[in-house]
Amino acid sequence: MTDISGQSFVIAAFWETHPGEEAVVANLLRSFLPQAQKEPGVRQFQIHQNTAKPREFFFYEVFANEAAFADHQQTEHFKTIIQGQALAKLAKRERVQFHFI
């Protein structure tokens, strides 16, 4: 098991798509997720879709540190899939940052 204590940096993100965009966003996230999980600074990266409200998505991301999170946002897959395609399909986007204690 990987040690994710110490300086680990956690992001909890919540997305809600515009009506009718949930399937498109889910497909974009399916292509994005395996690429994000392979990044060197990523300790854990999971994306969940709400079963009762399919327009809602929850992200749980653990990075080695804040620098790894910054690096994540500069990757080609983040810029192309998230910034370039997914964000325009969202009605709401929220991110909260945490550190392990």
C-alpha atoms as a PDB file:
ATOM      1  CA  MET A   1       0.000   0.000   0.000  1.00  0.00           C
ATOM      2  CA  THR A   2       1.267   3.456  -0.901  1.00  0.00           C
ATOM      3  CA  ASP A   3       1.884   5.827   1.997  1.00  0.00           C
ATOM      4  CA  ILE A   4      -0.477   8.744   1.422  1.00  0.00           C
ATOM      5  CA  SER A   5       0.179  10.555   4.681  1.00  0.00           C
ATOM      6  CA  GLY A   6       2.326  13.583   5.354  1.00  0.00           C
ATOM      7  CA  GLN A   7       2.231  16.156   2.616  1.00  0.00           C
ATOM      8  CA  SER A   8      -0.550  14.581   0.583  1.00  0.00           C
ATOM      9  CA  PHE A   9      -2.928  17.085  -0.945  1.00  0.00           C
ATOM     10  CA  VAL A  10      -6.565  16.102  -1.415  1.00  0.00           C
ATOM     11  CA  ILE A  11      -9.123  17.596  -3.766  1.00  0.00           C
ATOM     12  CA  ALA A  12     -12.841  16.921  -3.527  1.00  0.00           C
ATOM     13  CA  ALA A  13     -14.631  18.258  -6.593  1.00  0.00           C
ATOM     14  CA  PHE A  14     -18.313  18.404  -7.362  1.00  0.00           C
ATOM     15  CA  TRP A  15     -19.690  18.920 -10.861  1.00  0.00           C
ATOM     16  CA  GLU A  16     -23.217  19.334 -12.131  1.00  0.00           C
ATOM     17  CA  THR A  17     -23.755  19.277 -15.872  1.00  0.00           C
ATOM     18  CA  HIS A  18     -26.193  21.316 -17.896  1.00  0.00           C
ATOM     19  CA  PRO A  19     -29.376  19.299 -18.598  1.00  0.00           C
ATOM     20  CA  GLY A  20     -28.771  16.649 -21.249  1.00  0.00           C
ATOM     21  CA  GLU A  21     -24.961  16.825 -21.018  1.00  0.00           C
ATOM     22  CA  GLU A  22     -24.434  14.082 -18.419  1.00  0.00           C
ATOM     23  CA  ALA A  23     -23.726  11.265 -20.907  1.00  0.00           C
ATOM     24  CA  VAL A  24     -21.239  13.364 -22.864  1.00  0.00           C
ATOM     25  CA  VAL A  25     -19.436  14.427 -19.680  1.00  0.00           C
ATOM     26  CA  ALA A  26     -19.401  10.842 -18.368  1.00  0.00           C
ATOM     27  CA  ASN A  27     -17.748   9.699 -21.609  1.00  0.00           C
ATOM     28  CA  LEU A  28     -15.181  12.500 -21.449  1.00  0.00           C
ATOM     29  CA  LEU A  29     -14.355  11.551 -17.863  1.00  0.00           C
ATOM     30  CA  ARG A  30     -14.021   7.875 -18.800  1.00  0.00           C
ATOM     31  CA  SER A  31     -11.309   8.826 -21.295  1.00  0.00           C
ATOM     32  CA  PHE A  32      -9.664  11.291 -18.898  1.00  0.00           C
ATOM     33  CA  LEU A  33      -9.565   9.117 -15.762  1.00  0.00           C
ATOM     34  CA  PRO A  34      -6.981   6.464 -16.765  1.00  0.00           C
ATOM     35  CA  GLN A  35      -4.620   9.182 -17.979  1.00  0.00           C
ATOM     36  CA  ALA A  36      -4.938  11.132 -14.721  1.00  0.00           C
ATOM     37  CA  GLN A  37      -4.392   7.967 -12.661  1.00  0.00           C
ATOM     38  CA  LYS A  38      -1.031   7.397 -14.393  1.00  0.00           C
ATOM     39  CA  GLU A  39       0.431  10.804 -13.499  1.00  0.00           C
ATOM     40  CA  PRO A  40       3.532  10.484 -11.298  1.00  0.00           C
ATOM     41  CA  GLY A  41       2.210  12.766  -8.519  1.00  0.00           C
ATOM     42  CA  VAL A  42      -1.208  11.109  -8.317  1.00  0.00           C
ATOM     43  CA  ARG A  43      -1.717   8.789  -5.348  1.00  0.00           C
ATOM     44  CA  GLN A  44      -5.434   8.189  -5.920  1.00  0.00           C
ATOM     45  CA  PHE A  45      -7.933   9.542  -8.424  1.00  0.00           C
ATOM     46  CA  GLN A  46     -11.556   8.435  -8.574  1.00  0.00           C
ATOM     47  CA  ILE A  47     -14.593   9.926 -10.284  1.00  0.00           C
ATOM     48  CA  HIS A  48     -18.132   8.977  -9.311  1.00  0.00           C
ATOM     49  CA  GLN A  49     -21.496   9.684 -10.929  1.00  0.00           C
ATOM     50  CA  ASN A  50     -24.553  10.105  -8.700  1.00  0.00           C
ATOM     51  CA  THR A  51     -26.948   7.222  -9.354  1.00  0.00           C
ATOM     52  CA  ALA A  52     -30.039   9.199  -8.278  1.00  0.00           C
ATOM     53  CA  LYS A  53     -28.995  12.449  -9.997  1.00  0.00           C
ATOM     54  CA  PRO A  54     -26.838  11.506 -13.018  1.00  0.00           C
ATOM     55  CA  ARG A  55     -25.998  15.134 -13.780  1.00  0.00           C
ATOM     56  CA  GLU A  56     -23.857  15.173 -10.615  1.00  0.00           C
ATOM     57  CA  PHE A  57     -20.250  13.958 -10.433  1.00  0.00           C
ATOM     58  CA  PHE A  58     -17.916  13.668  -7.449  1.00  0.00           C
ATOM     59  CA  PHE A  59     -14.119  13.571  -7.756  1.00  0.00           C
ATOM     60  CA  TYR A  60     -11.785  12.300  -5.029  1.00  0.00           C
ATOM     61  CA  GLU A  61      -8.164  13.080  -5.849  1.00  0.00           C
ATOM     62  CA  VAL A  62      -5.049  12.535  -3.729  1.00  0.00           C
ATOM     63  CA  PHE A  63      -1.791  14.095  -4.907  1.00  0.00           C
ATOM     64  CA  ALA A  64       1.703  13.732  -3.442  1.00  0.00           C
ATOM     65  CA  ASN A  65       1.704  17.486  -2.695  1.00  0.00           C
ATOM     66  CA  GLU A  66       0.385  20.810  -3.978  1.00  0.00           C
ATOM     67  CA  ALA A  67       3.025  20.890  -6.725  1.00  0.00           C
ATOM     68  CA  ALA A  68       1.719  17.582  -8.099  1.00  0.00           C
ATOM     69  CA  PHE A  69      -1.777  19.079  -8.221  1.00  0.00           C
ATOM     70  CA  ALA A  70      -0.413  22.092 -10.112  1.00  0.00           C
ATOM     71  CA  ASP A  71       1.375  19.731 -12.514  1.00  0.00           C
ATOM     72  CA  HIS A  72      -1.872  17.804 -13.044  1.00  0.00           C
ATOM     73  CA  GLN A  73      -3.584  20.965 -14.263  1.00  0.00           C
ATOM     74  CA  GLN A  74      -0.838  21.486 -16.860  1.00  0.00           C
ATOM     75  CA  THR A  75      -1.107  18.048 -18.471  1.00  0.00           C
ATOM     76  CA  GLU A  76      -2.272  17.756 -22.054  1.00  0.00           C
ATOM     77  CA  HIS A  77      -5.223  15.525 -21.103  1.00  0.00           C
ATOM     78  CA  PHE A  78      -6.413  18.047 -18.484  1.00  0.00           C
ATOM     79  CA  LYS A  79      -6.161  20.942 -20.924  1.00  0.00           C
ATOM     80  CA  THR A  80      -7.763  19.048 -23.824  1.00  0.00           C
ATOM     81  CA  ILE A  81     -10.502  17.047 -22.101  1.00  0.00           C
ATOM     82  CA  ILE A  82     -11.356  19.030 -18.967  1.00  0.00           C
ATOM     83  CA  GLN A  83     -10.648  22.630 -19.962  1.00  0.00           C
ATOM     84  CA  GLY A  84     -11.225  22.184 -23.677  1.00  0.00           C
ATOM     85  CA  GLN A  85     -14.418  20.124 -23.611  1.00  0.00           C
ATOM     86  CA  ALA A  86     -15.982  19.268 -20.240  1.00  0.00           C
ATOM     87  CA  LEU A  87     -16.078  22.608 -18.406  1.00  0.00           C
ATOM     88  CA  ALA A  88     -18.345  24.246 -21.005  1.00  0.00           C
ATOM     89  CA  LYS A  89     -20.932  21.515 -20.314  1.00  0.00           C
ATOM     90  CA  LEU A  90     -21.149  22.285 -16.584  1.00  0.00           C
ATOM     91  CA  ALA A  91     -23.795  24.267 -14.755  1.00  0.00           C
ATOM     92  CA  LYS A  92     -21.780  24.081 -11.512  1.00  0.00           C
ATOM     93  CA  ARG A  93     -18.199  23.292 -10.497  1.00  0.00           C
ATOM     94  CA  GLU A  94     -16.892  23.294  -6.955  1.00  0.00           C
ATOM     95  CA  ARG A  95     -13.479  22.260  -5.594  1.00  0.00           C
ATOM     96  CA  VAL A  96     -12.381  21.933  -1.981  1.00  0.00           C
ATOM     97  CA  GLN A  97      -8.775  21.349  -0.909  1.00  0.00           C
ATOM     98  CA  PHE A  98      -7.666  19.254   2.064  1.00  0.00           C
ATOM     99  CA  HIS A  99      -4.465  17.965   3.699  1.00  0.00           C
ATOM    100  CA  PHE A 100      -4.290  14.676   5.577  1.00  0.00           C
ATOM    101  CA  ILE A 101      -3.825  15.066   9.321  1.00  0.00           C
END
